[in-house]
Amino acid sequence: MAKIYPYYGATSVMDYVDNYLFDGIYLLLGEDGTVVDSLGFPILQYVYGQFWVNNHAHIITGKEGFSVEELYLFFSLTNIKSIVTGAVQQKVSQQNLKKVPAIIPSKDALSAFDELIQPIFSQIRNLRDENARLADLRDTLLPKLMSGELDVSDIDI
């Protein structure tokens, strides 16, 4: 079977696998290992589509009026260094994650803000997909150009 589905770890894509567990838009927040940057902000991954996640990342989705995108913005602006534990390996437990203080806006404010940011995040997803397609095209064509299998010397640009 083709390994086409991203396999995410705490901070990045680790590999590709032949099956997926999730299909949609999610926020991944590192659970152990590298969980915060040098300033104490969480390592986040805004992921979408079909994918698999290992046990080193919290999988977060929106509920009660919060979208994944709003949660992404909230966590990207929230220093969580105070909830990180572990002397040898950093860890953010679900219990400590629930202790992060937050001001909860009204449902109307959440909805209005979400209407503003959804087109931006849609464009982010579209541009990421286009970049991936262009990288695949480059990786397909470049070896053929380098080997001489494709000759473009007669193309007038």
N, C-alpha and C. Protein backbone atom coordinates (compact mmCIF):
# COMPACT_ATOMS: atom_id res chain seq x y z
N MET A 1 0.84 -1.18 0.00
CA MET A 1 0.00 0.00 0.00
C MET A 1 0.89 1.25 0.00
N ALA A 2 0.38 2.28 -0.62
CA ALA A 2 1.14 3.53 -0.72
C ALA A 2 1.12 4.27 0.61
N LYS A 3 2.26 4.77 0.98
CA LYS A 3 2.37 5.55 2.21
C LYS A 3 2.17 7.02 1.85
N ILE A 4 0.90 7.44 1.90
CA ILE A 4 0.56 8.79 1.44
C ILE A 4 0.02 9.70 2.55
N TYR A 5 -0.25 9.14 3.72
CA TYR A 5 -0.86 9.93 4.79
C TYR A 5 0.23 10.41 5.76
N PRO A 6 0.25 11.70 6.06
CA PRO A 6 1.26 12.21 6.99
C PRO A 6 1.11 11.57 8.38
N TYR A 7 2.24 11.28 9.00
CA TYR A 7 2.31 10.74 10.34
C TYR A 7 3.00 11.79 11.21
N TYR A 8 2.20 12.47 12.05
CA TYR A 8 2.69 13.59 12.84
C TYR A 8 3.19 13.15 14.20
N GLY A 9 4.28 13.77 14.63
CA GLY A 9 4.78 13.64 15.98
C GLY A 9 4.50 14.93 16.73
N ALA A 10 5.24 15.17 17.80
CA ALA A 10 5.01 16.34 18.65
C ALA A 10 5.27 17.65 17.92
N THR A 11 6.20 17.65 16.94
CA THR A 11 6.59 18.93 16.34
C THR A 11 6.51 18.98 14.82
N SER A 12 6.35 17.82 14.16
CA SER A 12 6.40 17.84 12.70
C SER A 12 5.93 16.50 12.13
N VAL A 13 5.90 16.45 10.80
CA VAL A 13 5.64 15.18 10.11
C VAL A 13 6.86 14.29 10.33
N MET A 14 6.62 13.09 10.83
CA MET A 14 7.71 12.16 11.11
C MET A 14 7.93 11.21 9.93
N ASP A 15 6.84 10.89 9.23
CA ASP A 15 6.89 9.90 8.16
C ASP A 15 5.55 9.95 7.43
N TYR A 16 5.37 9.00 6.54
CA TYR A 16 4.09 8.83 5.86
C TYR A 16 3.68 7.37 6.05
N VAL A 17 2.36 7.15 6.20
CA VAL A 17 1.84 5.81 6.47
C VAL A 17 0.73 5.48 5.48
N ASP A 18 0.31 4.22 5.50
CA ASP A 18 -0.68 3.75 4.52
C ASP A 18 -2.12 3.83 5.00
N ASN A 19 -2.36 4.44 6.16
CA ASN A 19 -3.71 4.56 6.67
C ASN A 19 -3.81 5.85 7.47
N TYR A 20 -5.00 6.25 7.83
CA TYR A 20 -5.16 7.47 8.60
C TYR A 20 -6.17 7.26 9.73
N LEU A 21 -6.02 8.06 10.77
CA LEU A 21 -6.94 8.04 11.91
C LEU A 21 -7.86 9.25 11.91
N PHE A 22 -7.39 10.37 11.38
CA PHE A 22 -8.12 11.62 11.44
C PHE A 22 -8.36 12.16 10.04
N ASP A 23 -9.50 12.81 9.88
CA ASP A 23 -9.85 13.44 8.62
C ASP A 23 -10.57 14.74 8.96
N GLY A 24 -9.91 15.84 8.75
CA GLY A 24 -10.50 17.13 9.09
C GLY A 24 -9.42 18.14 9.42
N ILE A 25 -9.81 19.15 10.17
CA ILE A 25 -8.88 20.21 10.56
C ILE A 25 -8.68 20.11 12.07
N TYR A 26 -7.42 20.04 12.48
CA TYR A 26 -7.09 19.88 13.90
C TYR A 26 -5.87 20.74 14.25
N LEU A 27 -5.71 20.93 15.54
CA LEU A 27 -4.54 21.59 16.09
C LEU A 27 -3.78 20.54 16.88
N LEU A 28 -2.49 20.43 16.60
CA LEU A 28 -1.64 19.53 17.38
C LEU A 28 -0.73 20.38 18.25
N LEU A 29 -0.65 20.01 19.53
CA LEU A 29 0.19 20.70 20.48
C LEU A 29 1.09 19.65 21.10
N GLY A 30 2.40 19.88 21.06
CA GLY A 30 3.35 18.90 21.57
C GLY A 30 3.07 18.51 23.00
N GLU A 31 3.08 17.18 23.26
CA GLU A 31 2.83 16.68 24.61
C GLU A 31 4.13 16.42 25.36
N ASP A 32 5.10 15.85 24.69
CA ASP A 32 6.38 15.63 25.35
C ASP A 32 7.51 15.77 24.35
N GLY A 33 8.69 16.02 24.89
CA GLY A 33 9.83 16.32 24.03
C GLY A 33 9.98 17.83 23.90
N THR A 34 10.04 18.30 22.69
CA THR A 34 10.10 19.74 22.44
C THR A 34 8.67 20.26 22.42
N VAL A 35 8.23 20.83 23.53
CA VAL A 35 6.83 21.25 23.65
C VAL A 35 6.65 22.77 23.61
N VAL A 36 7.72 23.51 23.90
CA VAL A 36 7.65 24.98 23.84
C VAL A 36 8.90 25.50 23.14
N ASP A 37 8.76 26.71 22.60
CA ASP A 37 9.93 27.34 21.99
C ASP A 37 10.76 28.03 23.07
N SER A 38 11.79 28.74 22.68
CA SER A 38 12.71 29.35 23.65
C SER A 38 12.04 30.42 24.52
N LEU A 39 10.88 30.93 24.08
CA LEU A 39 10.17 31.95 24.85
C LEU A 39 9.02 31.38 25.68
N GLY A 40 8.77 30.08 25.56
CA GLY A 40 7.72 29.45 26.35
C GLY A 40 6.38 29.30 25.64
N PHE A 41 6.35 29.58 24.34
CA PHE A 41 5.12 29.41 23.58
C PHE A 41 5.06 27.99 23.02
N PRO A 42 3.87 27.41 22.95
CA PRO A 42 3.77 26.00 22.55
C PRO A 42 4.15 25.76 21.09
N ILE A 43 4.68 24.58 20.85
CA ILE A 43 4.93 24.14 19.49
C ILE A 43 3.60 23.64 18.94
N LEU A 44 3.10 24.30 17.92
CA LEU A 44 1.79 24.00 17.35
C LEU A 44 1.92 23.54 15.91
N GLN A 45 0.98 22.69 15.52
CA GLN A 45 0.86 22.29 14.12
C GLN A 45 -0.61 22.42 13.73
N TYR A 46 -0.88 23.22 12.73
CA TYR A 46 -2.23 23.36 12.17
C TYR A 46 -2.31 22.35 11.03
N VAL A 47 -3.08 21.28 11.23
CA VAL A 47 -3.09 20.18 10.27
C VAL A 47 -4.50 19.97 9.72
N TYR A 48 -4.57 19.42 8.52
CA TYR A 48 -5.87 19.19 7.89
C TYR A 48 -5.74 18.05 6.90
N GLY A 49 -6.88 17.51 6.52
CA GLY A 49 -6.89 16.38 5.60
C GLY A 49 -6.89 15.08 6.37
N GLN A 50 -6.37 14.04 5.74
CA GLN A 50 -6.31 12.71 6.34
C GLN A 50 -4.89 12.48 6.85
N PHE A 51 -4.77 12.06 8.11
CA PHE A 51 -3.45 11.91 8.71
C PHE A 51 -3.52 11.00 9.93
N TRP A 52 -2.35 10.64 10.43
CA TRP A 52 -2.18 9.84 11.64
C TRP A 52 -1.34 10.68 12.60
N VAL A 53 -1.61 10.56 13.89
CA VAL A 53 -0.84 11.28 14.91
C VAL A 53 -0.33 10.28 15.94
N ASN A 54 0.96 10.40 16.30
CA ASN A 54 1.47 9.51 17.34
C ASN A 54 1.07 10.04 18.72
N ASN A 55 1.52 9.36 19.75
CA ASN A 55 1.09 9.70 21.11
C ASN A 55 1.92 10.81 21.76
N HIS A 56 2.67 11.56 20.99
CA HIS A 56 3.47 12.64 21.53
C HIS A 56 2.87 14.02 21.26
N ALA A 57 1.63 14.05 20.82
CA ALA A 57 0.97 15.33 20.53
C ALA A 57 -0.47 15.29 21.05
N HIS A 58 -0.90 16.41 21.60
CA HIS A 58 -2.31 16.58 21.95
C HIS A 58 -3.05 16.92 20.67
N ILE A 59 -4.19 16.30 20.46
CA ILE A 59 -5.02 16.55 19.28
C ILE A 59 -6.19 17.41 19.75
N ILE A 60 -6.25 18.63 19.25
CA ILE A 60 -7.21 19.60 19.76
C ILE A 60 -8.16 20.00 18.63
N THR A 61 -9.44 20.03 18.98
CA THR A 61 -10.45 20.50 18.05
C THR A 61 -11.35 21.48 18.78
N GLY A 62 -12.05 22.30 18.04
CA GLY A 62 -12.90 23.30 18.65
C GLY A 62 -14.23 22.73 19.12
N LYS A 63 -14.77 23.33 20.16
CA LYS A 63 -16.12 23.00 20.61
C LYS A 63 -16.68 24.20 21.36
N GLU A 64 -17.97 24.17 21.60
CA GLU A 64 -18.66 25.25 22.31
C GLU A 64 -18.40 26.62 21.68
N GLY A 65 -18.44 26.67 20.34
CA GLY A 65 -18.31 27.93 19.62
C GLY A 65 -16.90 28.28 19.19
N PHE A 66 -15.90 27.54 19.66
CA PHE A 66 -14.51 27.80 19.27
C PHE A 66 -14.15 26.98 18.04
N SER A 67 -13.55 27.63 17.06
CA SER A 67 -13.05 26.90 15.89
C SER A 67 -11.60 26.50 16.16
N VAL A 68 -11.11 25.56 15.40
CA VAL A 68 -9.71 25.15 15.51
C VAL A 68 -8.80 26.35 15.25
N GLU A 69 -9.19 27.17 14.30
CA GLU A 69 -8.38 28.33 13.95
C GLU A 69 -8.30 29.33 15.09
N GLU A 70 -9.41 29.55 15.80
CA GLU A 70 -9.38 30.44 16.96
C GLU A 70 -8.49 29.87 18.06
N LEU A 71 -8.56 28.55 18.24
CA LEU A 71 -7.70 27.91 19.24
C LEU A 71 -6.23 28.01 18.84
N TYR A 72 -5.96 27.87 17.55
CA TYR A 72 -4.58 28.03 17.07
C TYR A 72 -4.06 29.42 17.42
N LEU A 73 -4.86 30.44 17.15
CA LEU A 73 -4.44 31.81 17.45
C LEU A 73 -4.29 32.03 18.95
N PHE A 74 -5.20 31.47 19.73
CA PHE A 74 -5.12 31.60 21.19
C PHE A 74 -3.82 31.00 21.71
N PHE A 75 -3.56 29.75 21.33
CA PHE A 75 -2.35 29.08 21.84
C PHE A 75 -1.07 29.70 21.29
N SER A 76 -1.11 30.21 20.07
CA SER A 76 0.10 30.81 19.52
C SER A 76 0.48 32.09 20.25
N LEU A 77 -0.47 32.68 20.96
CA LEU A 77 -0.23 33.92 21.71
C LEU A 77 -0.18 33.70 23.22
N THR A 78 -0.17 32.43 23.66
CA THR A 78 -0.24 32.11 25.08
C THR A 78 1.04 31.41 25.53
N ASN A 79 1.73 32.02 26.46
CA ASN A 79 2.93 31.42 27.02
C ASN A 79 2.49 30.32 28.00
N ILE A 80 2.97 29.10 27.77
CA ILE A 80 2.57 27.98 28.62
C ILE A 80 3.74 27.40 29.42
N LYS A 81 4.82 28.14 29.48
CA LYS A 81 6.01 27.63 30.18
C LYS A 81 5.69 27.21 31.60
N SER A 82 4.77 27.90 32.26
CA SER A 82 4.44 27.60 33.66
C SER A 82 3.77 26.25 33.84
N ILE A 83 3.21 25.66 32.80
CA ILE A 83 2.54 24.36 32.95
C ILE A 83 3.40 23.19 32.45
N VAL A 84 4.59 23.51 31.94
CA VAL A 84 5.48 22.45 31.45
C VAL A 84 6.16 21.79 32.64
N THR A 85 6.12 20.46 32.66
CA THR A 85 6.78 19.70 33.72
C THR A 85 7.87 18.83 33.11
N GLY A 86 8.62 18.17 33.98
CA GLY A 86 9.64 17.23 33.52
C GLY A 86 11.03 17.82 33.56
N ALA A 87 11.92 17.16 34.31
CA ALA A 87 13.29 17.65 34.43
C ALA A 87 14.14 17.19 33.26
N VAL A 88 13.94 15.96 32.81
CA VAL A 88 14.75 15.41 31.72
C VAL A 88 14.07 15.65 30.38
N GLN A 89 12.79 15.37 30.33
CA GLN A 89 12.03 15.56 29.10
C GLN A 89 10.82 16.43 29.40
N GLN A 90 10.68 17.53 28.66
CA GLN A 90 9.55 18.42 28.87
C GLN A 90 8.24 17.70 28.57
N LYS A 91 7.20 18.05 29.34
CA LYS A 91 5.89 17.44 29.14
C LYS A 91 4.80 18.46 29.42
N VAL A 92 3.76 18.41 28.60
CA VAL A 92 2.55 19.19 28.83
C VAL A 92 1.42 18.17 28.98
N SER A 93 0.95 18.00 30.20
CA SER A 93 -0.14 17.04 30.43
C SER A 93 -1.48 17.67 30.08
N GLN A 94 -2.45 16.81 29.82
CA GLN A 94 -3.79 17.29 29.53
C GLN A 94 -4.35 18.02 30.76
N GLN A 95 -4.06 17.50 31.93
CA GLN A 95 -4.52 18.12 33.17
C GLN A 95 -3.97 19.55 33.29
N ASN A 96 -2.68 19.73 33.03
CA ASN A 96 -2.10 21.08 33.11
C ASN A 96 -2.58 21.97 31.98
N LEU A 97 -2.80 21.40 30.81
CA LEU A 97 -3.28 22.17 29.67
C LEU A 97 -4.65 22.78 29.98
N LYS A 98 -5.46 22.06 30.72
CA LYS A 98 -6.79 22.56 31.10
C LYS A 98 -6.71 23.70 32.10
N LYS A 99 -5.54 23.91 32.70
CA LYS A 99 -5.36 24.98 33.68
C LYS A 99 -4.95 26.31 33.05
N VAL A 100 -4.70 26.31 31.75
CA VAL A 100 -4.28 27.55 31.09
C VAL A 100 -5.44 28.55 31.16
N PRO A 101 -5.19 29.71 31.77
CA PRO A 101 -6.27 30.70 31.89
C PRO A 101 -6.64 31.30 30.53
N ALA A 102 -7.92 31.54 30.36
CA ALA A 102 -8.40 32.14 29.11
C ALA A 102 -9.64 32.97 29.40
N ILE A 103 -9.74 34.08 28.70
CA ILE A 103 -10.96 34.88 28.74
C ILE A 103 -11.85 34.36 27.63
N ILE A 104 -13.05 33.96 27.98
CA ILE A 104 -13.97 33.39 27.01
C ILE A 104 -14.89 34.49 26.49
N PRO A 105 -14.76 34.82 25.19
CA PRO A 105 -15.65 35.84 24.62
C PRO A 105 -17.06 35.29 24.43
N SER A 106 -17.97 36.18 24.16
CA SER A 106 -19.36 35.75 23.90
C SER A 106 -19.42 34.95 22.60
N LYS A 107 -20.46 34.16 22.46
CA LYS A 107 -20.62 33.37 21.23
C LYS A 107 -20.72 34.27 20.01
N ASP A 108 -21.35 35.45 20.16
CA ASP A 108 -21.45 36.39 19.04
C ASP A 108 -20.09 36.91 18.64
N ALA A 109 -19.25 37.23 19.63
CA ALA A 109 -17.90 37.72 19.34
C ALA A 109 -17.08 36.61 18.68
N LEU A 110 -17.20 35.38 19.20
CA LEU A 110 -16.47 34.25 18.59
C LEU A 110 -16.89 34.06 17.14
N SER A 111 -18.17 34.11 16.91
CA SER A 111 -18.70 33.91 15.56
C SER A 111 -18.23 35.01 14.61
N ALA A 112 -18.27 36.25 15.07
CA ALA A 112 -17.84 37.38 14.23
C ALA A 112 -16.35 37.27 13.92
N PHE A 113 -15.55 36.91 14.91
CA PHE A 113 -14.10 36.77 14.70
C PHE A 113 -13.83 35.60 13.74
N ASP A 114 -14.57 34.51 13.93
CA ASP A 114 -14.38 33.34 13.08
C ASP A 114 -14.69 33.68 11.61
N GLU A 115 -15.70 34.49 11.38
CA GLU A 115 -16.02 34.90 10.01
C GLU A 115 -14.87 35.67 9.38
N LEU A 116 -14.14 36.42 10.18
CA LEU A 116 -13.00 37.17 9.67
C LEU A 116 -11.80 36.28 9.34
N ILE A 117 -11.55 35.29 10.19
CA ILE A 117 -10.32 34.51 10.03
C ILE A 117 -10.47 33.29 9.13
N GLN A 118 -11.67 32.78 8.94
CA GLN A 118 -11.84 31.57 8.13
C GLN A 118 -11.32 31.73 6.69
N PRO A 119 -11.61 32.86 6.01
CA PRO A 119 -11.05 33.02 4.66
C PRO A 119 -9.52 33.03 4.65
N ILE A 120 -8.91 33.56 5.69
CA ILE A 120 -7.45 33.60 5.77
C ILE A 120 -6.90 32.18 5.91
N PHE A 121 -7.48 31.40 6.80
CA PHE A 121 -7.01 30.03 7.00
C PHE A 121 -7.33 29.15 5.79
N SER A 122 -8.42 29.42 5.11
CA SER A 122 -8.72 28.71 3.87
C SER A 122 -7.63 28.97 2.84
N GLN A 123 -7.21 30.22 2.74
CA GLN A 123 -6.13 30.58 1.82
C GLN A 123 -4.81 29.91 2.24
N ILE A 124 -4.55 29.85 3.53
CA ILE A 124 -3.36 29.16 4.02
C ILE A 124 -3.36 27.70 3.57
N ARG A 125 -4.49 27.03 3.74
CA ARG A 125 -4.59 25.62 3.31
C ARG A 125 -4.40 25.49 1.81
N ASN A 126 -5.03 26.38 1.04
CA ASN A 126 -4.89 26.33 -0.41
C ASN A 126 -3.44 26.55 -0.85
N LEU A 127 -2.77 27.50 -0.24
CA LEU A 127 -1.37 27.77 -0.61
C LEU A 127 -0.44 26.64 -0.18
N ARG A 128 -0.70 26.03 0.97
CA ARG A 128 0.09 24.86 1.38
C ARG A 128 -0.07 23.72 0.38
N ASP A 129 -1.31 23.49 -0.04
CA ASP A 129 -1.58 22.42 -1.02
C ASP A 129 -0.88 22.73 -2.35
N GLU A 130 -0.97 23.97 -2.78
CA GLU A 130 -0.31 24.36 -4.03
C GLU A 130 1.21 24.20 -3.92
N ASN A 131 1.79 24.60 -2.80
CA ASN A 131 3.22 24.41 -2.58
C ASN A 131 3.61 22.94 -2.64
N ALA A 132 2.79 22.08 -2.06
CA ALA A 132 3.08 20.64 -2.09
C ALA A 132 3.02 20.11 -3.52
N ARG A 133 2.02 20.56 -4.29
CA ARG A 133 1.92 20.12 -5.70
C ARG A 133 3.12 20.61 -6.50
N LEU A 134 3.53 21.85 -6.27
CA LEU A 134 4.68 22.39 -6.99
C LEU A 134 5.97 21.67 -6.60
N ALA A 135 6.11 21.32 -5.34
CA ALA A 135 7.30 20.57 -4.91
C ALA A 135 7.32 19.19 -5.55
N ASP A 136 6.16 18.54 -5.63
CA ASP A 136 6.09 17.23 -6.30
C ASP A 136 6.45 17.36 -7.77
N LEU A 137 5.94 18.40 -8.42
CA LEU A 137 6.26 18.62 -9.83
C LEU A 137 7.75 18.87 -10.02
N ARG A 138 8.32 19.70 -9.17
CA ARG A 138 9.77 19.95 -9.21
C ARG A 138 10.55 18.65 -9.03
N ASP A 139 10.16 17.85 -8.04
CA ASP A 139 10.87 16.61 -7.76
C ASP A 139 10.72 15.59 -8.88
N THR A 140 9.66 15.70 -9.66
CA THR A 140 9.47 14.81 -10.80
C THR A 140 10.28 15.29 -12.01
N LEU A 141 10.22 16.61 -12.27
CA LEU A 141 10.86 17.15 -13.47
C LEU A 141 12.37 17.37 -13.35
N LEU A 142 12.83 17.79 -12.21
CA LEU A 142 14.25 18.14 -12.08
C LEU A 142 15.19 16.98 -12.41
N PRO A 143 14.96 15.78 -11.91
CA PRO A 143 15.87 14.69 -12.30
C PRO A 143 15.87 14.42 -13.81
N LYS A 144 14.71 14.58 -14.43
CA LYS A 144 14.62 14.36 -15.88
C LYS A 144 15.35 15.46 -16.65
N LEU A 145 15.28 16.68 -16.13
CA LEU A 145 16.03 17.77 -16.76
C LEU A 145 17.53 17.57 -16.57
N MET A 146 17.93 17.18 -15.39
CA MET A 146 19.36 17.00 -15.08
C MET A 146 19.96 15.84 -15.88
N SER A 147 19.18 14.80 -16.11
CA SER A 147 19.70 13.63 -16.83
C SER A 147 19.66 13.82 -18.35
N GLY A 148 18.96 14.85 -18.80
CA GLY A 148 18.83 15.07 -20.24
C GLY A 148 17.63 14.36 -20.85
N GLU A 149 16.86 13.66 -20.02
CA GLU A 149 15.67 12.97 -20.51
C GLU A 149 14.66 13.99 -21.07
N LEU A 150 14.62 15.16 -20.45
CA LEU A 150 13.80 16.27 -20.95
C LEU A 150 14.74 17.35 -21.46
N ASP A 151 14.44 17.83 -22.67
CA ASP A 151 15.25 18.90 -23.25
C ASP A 151 14.35 20.11 -23.46
N VAL A 152 14.69 21.20 -22.83
CA VAL A 152 13.88 22.42 -22.93
C VAL A 152 14.63 23.53 -23.65
N SER A 153 15.72 23.18 -24.30
CA SER A 153 16.55 24.21 -24.93
C SER A 153 15.83 24.91 -26.09
N ASP A 154 14.85 24.26 -26.70
CA ASP A 154 14.14 24.87 -27.83
C ASP A 154 12.91 25.70 -27.42
N ILE A 155 12.65 25.74 -26.12
CA ILE A 155 11.48 26.50 -25.65
C ILE A 155 11.83 27.98 -25.63
N ASP A 156 10.97 28.79 -26.28
CA ASP A 156 11.18 30.24 -26.30
C ASP A 156 10.35 30.86 -25.18
N ILE A 157 11.04 31.43 -24.23
CA ILE A 157 10.33 32.02 -23.08
C ILE A 157 10.34 33.53 -23.19
